[in-house]
N, C-alpha and C. Protein backbone atom coordinates (compact mmCIF):
# COMPACT_ATOMS: atom_id res chain seq x y z
N MET A 1 0.84 -1.17 0.00
CA MET A 1 0.00 0.00 0.00
C MET A 1 0.90 1.24 0.00
N LEU A 2 0.59 2.19 -0.86
CA LEU A 2 1.33 3.44 -0.98
C LEU A 2 0.60 4.53 -0.20
N ILE A 3 1.30 5.20 0.69
CA ILE A 3 0.73 6.31 1.44
C ILE A 3 1.46 7.57 1.02
N PHE A 4 0.71 8.55 0.56
CA PHE A 4 1.26 9.81 0.07
C PHE A 4 0.91 10.90 1.07
N LEU A 5 1.91 11.50 1.71
CA LEU A 5 1.69 12.57 2.67
C LEU A 5 2.08 13.90 2.05
N ALA A 6 1.20 14.89 2.17
CA ALA A 6 1.48 16.19 1.57
C ALA A 6 0.91 17.31 2.41
N ILE A 7 1.53 18.47 2.29
CA ILE A 7 1.01 19.71 2.86
C ILE A 7 0.71 20.61 1.67
N ILE A 8 -0.50 21.14 1.62
CA ILE A 8 -0.92 22.02 0.54
C ILE A 8 -1.16 23.40 1.12
N THR A 9 -0.59 24.42 0.48
CA THR A 9 -0.77 25.79 0.96
C THR A 9 -0.81 26.77 -0.20
N ASP A 10 -1.33 27.96 0.08
CA ASP A 10 -1.29 29.01 -0.92
C ASP A 10 0.03 29.77 -0.79
N ASN A 11 0.17 30.87 -1.51
CA ASN A 11 1.44 31.60 -1.52
C ASN A 11 1.49 32.75 -0.50
N LEU A 12 0.68 32.69 0.54
CA LEU A 12 0.72 33.70 1.59
C LEU A 12 2.13 33.69 2.21
N ALA A 13 2.66 34.87 2.51
CA ALA A 13 4.04 34.99 3.01
C ALA A 13 4.28 34.13 4.26
N THR A 14 3.30 34.09 5.16
CA THR A 14 3.44 33.28 6.38
C THR A 14 3.57 31.80 6.04
N ASN A 15 2.78 31.34 5.09
CA ASN A 15 2.85 29.93 4.68
C ASN A 15 4.17 29.62 3.98
N GLN A 16 4.66 30.55 3.16
CA GLN A 16 5.96 30.34 2.51
C GLN A 16 7.07 30.23 3.55
N LYS A 17 6.99 31.07 4.59
CA LYS A 17 7.99 31.02 5.66
C LYS A 17 7.96 29.66 6.36
N TYR A 18 6.76 29.14 6.62
CA TYR A 18 6.62 27.83 7.26
C TYR A 18 7.21 26.73 6.37
N MET A 19 6.90 26.81 5.07
CA MET A 19 7.42 25.80 4.14
C MET A 19 8.95 25.85 4.09
N LYS A 20 9.51 27.06 4.13
CA LYS A 20 10.97 27.18 4.15
C LYS A 20 11.55 26.58 5.42
N SER A 21 10.83 26.71 6.54
CA SER A 21 11.32 26.12 7.80
C SER A 21 11.36 24.60 7.69
N LEU A 22 10.42 24.01 6.96
CA LEU A 22 10.44 22.56 6.75
C LEU A 22 11.63 22.14 5.87
N CYS A 23 12.10 23.08 5.05
CA CYS A 23 13.24 22.81 4.16
C CYS A 23 14.55 23.21 4.82
N GLY A 24 14.54 23.46 6.12
CA GLY A 24 15.76 23.86 6.83
C GLY A 24 16.11 25.31 6.57
N ASN A 25 15.10 26.15 6.35
CA ASN A 25 15.27 27.58 6.07
C ASN A 25 16.17 27.84 4.86
N SER A 26 16.16 26.91 3.95
CA SER A 26 16.92 27.11 2.72
C SER A 26 15.94 27.24 1.56
N GLU A 27 16.39 26.92 0.39
CA GLU A 27 15.57 26.99 -0.81
C GLU A 27 14.37 26.04 -0.70
N LEU A 28 13.21 26.49 -1.18
CA LEU A 28 12.02 25.65 -1.14
C LEU A 28 12.22 24.40 -2.00
N LYS A 29 11.77 23.27 -1.49
CA LYS A 29 11.88 22.00 -2.19
C LYS A 29 10.49 21.38 -2.31
N ALA A 30 10.32 20.48 -3.24
CA ALA A 30 9.04 19.81 -3.43
C ALA A 30 8.87 18.65 -2.46
N VAL A 31 9.97 18.04 -2.01
CA VAL A 31 9.92 16.89 -1.11
C VAL A 31 10.94 17.10 0.00
N VAL A 32 10.50 16.88 1.25
CA VAL A 32 11.40 16.98 2.41
C VAL A 32 11.21 15.75 3.28
N SER A 33 12.09 15.59 4.24
CA SER A 33 11.96 14.51 5.21
C SER A 33 10.79 14.84 6.15
N ASN A 34 9.96 13.87 6.47
CA ASN A 34 8.81 14.08 7.34
C ASN A 34 9.30 14.29 8.78
N PRO A 35 9.03 15.45 9.40
CA PRO A 35 9.50 15.70 10.76
C PRO A 35 8.97 14.70 11.78
N ALA A 36 7.77 14.18 11.57
CA ALA A 36 7.18 13.22 12.51
C ALA A 36 7.71 11.81 12.31
N ASN A 37 8.21 11.52 11.11
CA ASN A 37 8.72 10.19 10.78
C ASN A 37 9.82 10.36 9.74
N PRO A 38 11.05 10.72 10.18
CA PRO A 38 12.11 11.11 9.25
C PRO A 38 12.41 10.17 8.08
N PRO A 39 12.28 8.86 8.21
CA PRO A 39 12.55 8.05 7.01
C PRO A 39 11.52 8.27 5.90
N LYS A 40 10.34 8.74 6.26
CA LYS A 40 9.28 8.97 5.27
C LYS A 40 9.44 10.35 4.65
N LYS A 41 8.88 10.52 3.47
CA LYS A 41 8.94 11.80 2.75
C LYS A 41 7.63 12.57 2.93
N LEU A 42 7.74 13.90 2.88
CA LEU A 42 6.60 14.79 2.95
C LEU A 42 6.65 15.67 1.71
N HIS A 43 5.58 15.66 0.94
CA HIS A 43 5.52 16.42 -0.31
C HIS A 43 4.89 17.78 -0.03
N LEU A 44 5.54 18.83 -0.50
CA LEU A 44 5.06 20.19 -0.30
C LEU A 44 4.43 20.68 -1.60
N LEU A 45 3.16 21.02 -1.53
CA LEU A 45 2.42 21.47 -2.72
C LEU A 45 2.03 22.93 -2.52
N PHE A 46 2.29 23.75 -3.53
CA PHE A 46 2.10 25.19 -3.40
C PHE A 46 0.98 25.69 -4.30
N ASP A 47 0.17 26.56 -3.75
CA ASP A 47 -0.85 27.31 -4.48
C ASP A 47 -1.86 26.43 -5.21
N ASN A 48 -2.16 25.27 -4.67
CA ASN A 48 -3.14 24.39 -5.31
C ASN A 48 -4.55 24.94 -5.25
N THR A 49 -4.81 25.86 -4.33
CA THR A 49 -6.13 26.48 -4.28
C THR A 49 -6.42 27.18 -5.60
N HIS A 50 -5.46 27.94 -6.08
CA HIS A 50 -5.64 28.63 -7.35
C HIS A 50 -5.64 27.66 -8.52
N ASN A 51 -4.85 26.59 -8.43
CA ASN A 51 -4.86 25.58 -9.49
C ASN A 51 -6.23 24.93 -9.60
N LEU A 52 -6.82 24.57 -8.47
CA LEU A 52 -8.16 23.96 -8.49
C LEU A 52 -9.20 24.95 -8.98
N LYS A 53 -9.05 26.22 -8.60
CA LYS A 53 -9.98 27.24 -9.09
C LYS A 53 -9.89 27.37 -10.61
N ASN A 54 -8.68 27.31 -11.14
CA ASN A 54 -8.50 27.38 -12.60
C ASN A 54 -9.13 26.19 -13.31
N ILE A 55 -8.97 25.00 -12.75
CA ILE A 55 -9.59 23.80 -13.34
C ILE A 55 -11.11 23.96 -13.32
N TYR A 56 -11.65 24.42 -12.19
CA TYR A 56 -13.10 24.63 -12.08
C TYR A 56 -13.58 25.62 -13.14
N ASN A 57 -12.85 26.71 -13.30
CA ASN A 57 -13.24 27.71 -14.30
C ASN A 57 -13.20 27.15 -15.72
N ILE A 58 -12.22 26.30 -16.00
CA ILE A 58 -12.16 25.65 -17.32
C ILE A 58 -13.38 24.76 -17.51
N TRP A 59 -13.76 24.01 -16.47
CA TRP A 59 -14.95 23.15 -16.56
C TRP A 59 -16.18 23.99 -16.84
N GLN A 60 -16.27 25.14 -16.18
CA GLN A 60 -17.43 26.00 -16.37
C GLN A 60 -17.51 26.55 -17.79
N ARG A 61 -16.38 26.88 -18.37
CA ARG A 61 -16.35 27.44 -19.72
C ARG A 61 -16.47 26.37 -20.80
N LYS A 62 -15.67 25.30 -20.70
CA LYS A 62 -15.60 24.31 -21.77
C LYS A 62 -16.53 23.13 -21.54
N LYS A 63 -16.90 22.88 -20.30
CA LYS A 63 -17.78 21.77 -19.93
C LYS A 63 -17.17 20.40 -20.21
N LEU A 64 -15.87 20.36 -20.53
CA LEU A 64 -15.22 19.10 -20.88
C LEU A 64 -13.80 19.12 -20.31
N PHE A 65 -13.39 18.03 -19.68
CA PHE A 65 -12.04 17.95 -19.10
C PHE A 65 -11.44 16.60 -19.46
N LYS A 66 -10.27 16.62 -20.10
CA LYS A 66 -9.58 15.38 -20.48
C LYS A 66 -8.40 15.18 -19.54
N TYR A 67 -8.22 13.95 -19.10
CA TYR A 67 -7.15 13.64 -18.17
C TYR A 67 -6.69 12.20 -18.39
N PRO A 68 -5.43 11.87 -18.02
CA PRO A 68 -4.94 10.50 -18.22
C PRO A 68 -5.42 9.57 -17.11
N ASN A 69 -5.76 8.35 -17.48
CA ASN A 69 -6.04 7.30 -16.51
C ASN A 69 -4.74 6.54 -16.34
N PHE A 70 -4.09 6.66 -15.18
CA PHE A 70 -2.77 6.10 -14.99
C PHE A 70 -2.78 4.58 -14.88
N GLN A 71 -3.94 3.97 -14.66
CA GLN A 71 -4.01 2.51 -14.58
C GLN A 71 -4.14 1.89 -15.96
N THR A 72 -5.00 2.48 -16.80
CA THR A 72 -5.22 1.90 -18.12
C THR A 72 -4.36 2.56 -19.19
N LYS A 73 -3.69 3.67 -18.85
CA LYS A 73 -2.85 4.42 -19.80
C LYS A 73 -3.65 5.04 -20.94
N LEU A 74 -4.96 5.17 -20.75
CA LEU A 74 -5.83 5.77 -21.76
C LEU A 74 -6.30 7.13 -21.29
N GLU A 75 -6.73 7.94 -22.24
CA GLU A 75 -7.27 9.24 -21.89
C GLU A 75 -8.73 9.12 -21.49
N GLU A 76 -9.09 9.75 -20.39
CA GLU A 76 -10.47 9.77 -19.90
C GLU A 76 -11.04 11.17 -20.14
N THR A 77 -12.35 11.27 -20.13
CA THR A 77 -13.00 12.55 -20.32
C THR A 77 -14.11 12.71 -19.29
N ALA A 78 -14.12 13.86 -18.62
CA ALA A 78 -15.22 14.22 -17.73
C ALA A 78 -16.05 15.25 -18.46
N ASP A 79 -17.31 14.91 -18.71
CA ASP A 79 -18.20 15.78 -19.48
C ASP A 79 -19.19 16.43 -18.54
N PHE A 80 -19.19 17.76 -18.47
CA PHE A 80 -20.07 18.50 -17.58
C PHE A 80 -21.16 19.25 -18.35
N ARG A 81 -21.50 18.75 -19.54
CA ARG A 81 -22.55 19.41 -20.34
C ARG A 81 -23.91 18.91 -19.94
């Protein structure tokens, strides 16, 4: 079983400072060691709120969203018409 741990935040200055503290106050990284369980990795995701808002807006305008199905390797379509 694969367990994916992540922290998602927007680009607010306070949140950026916290993310930098997880990276040892150095350059921001996408993956860091999990402070609660150091052998495990913690994925840092930035500004996904706006990314999800953009996807929603595309659905509202186009009513159609194409995405890959990683299990079947085929393209799937979500139709909102």
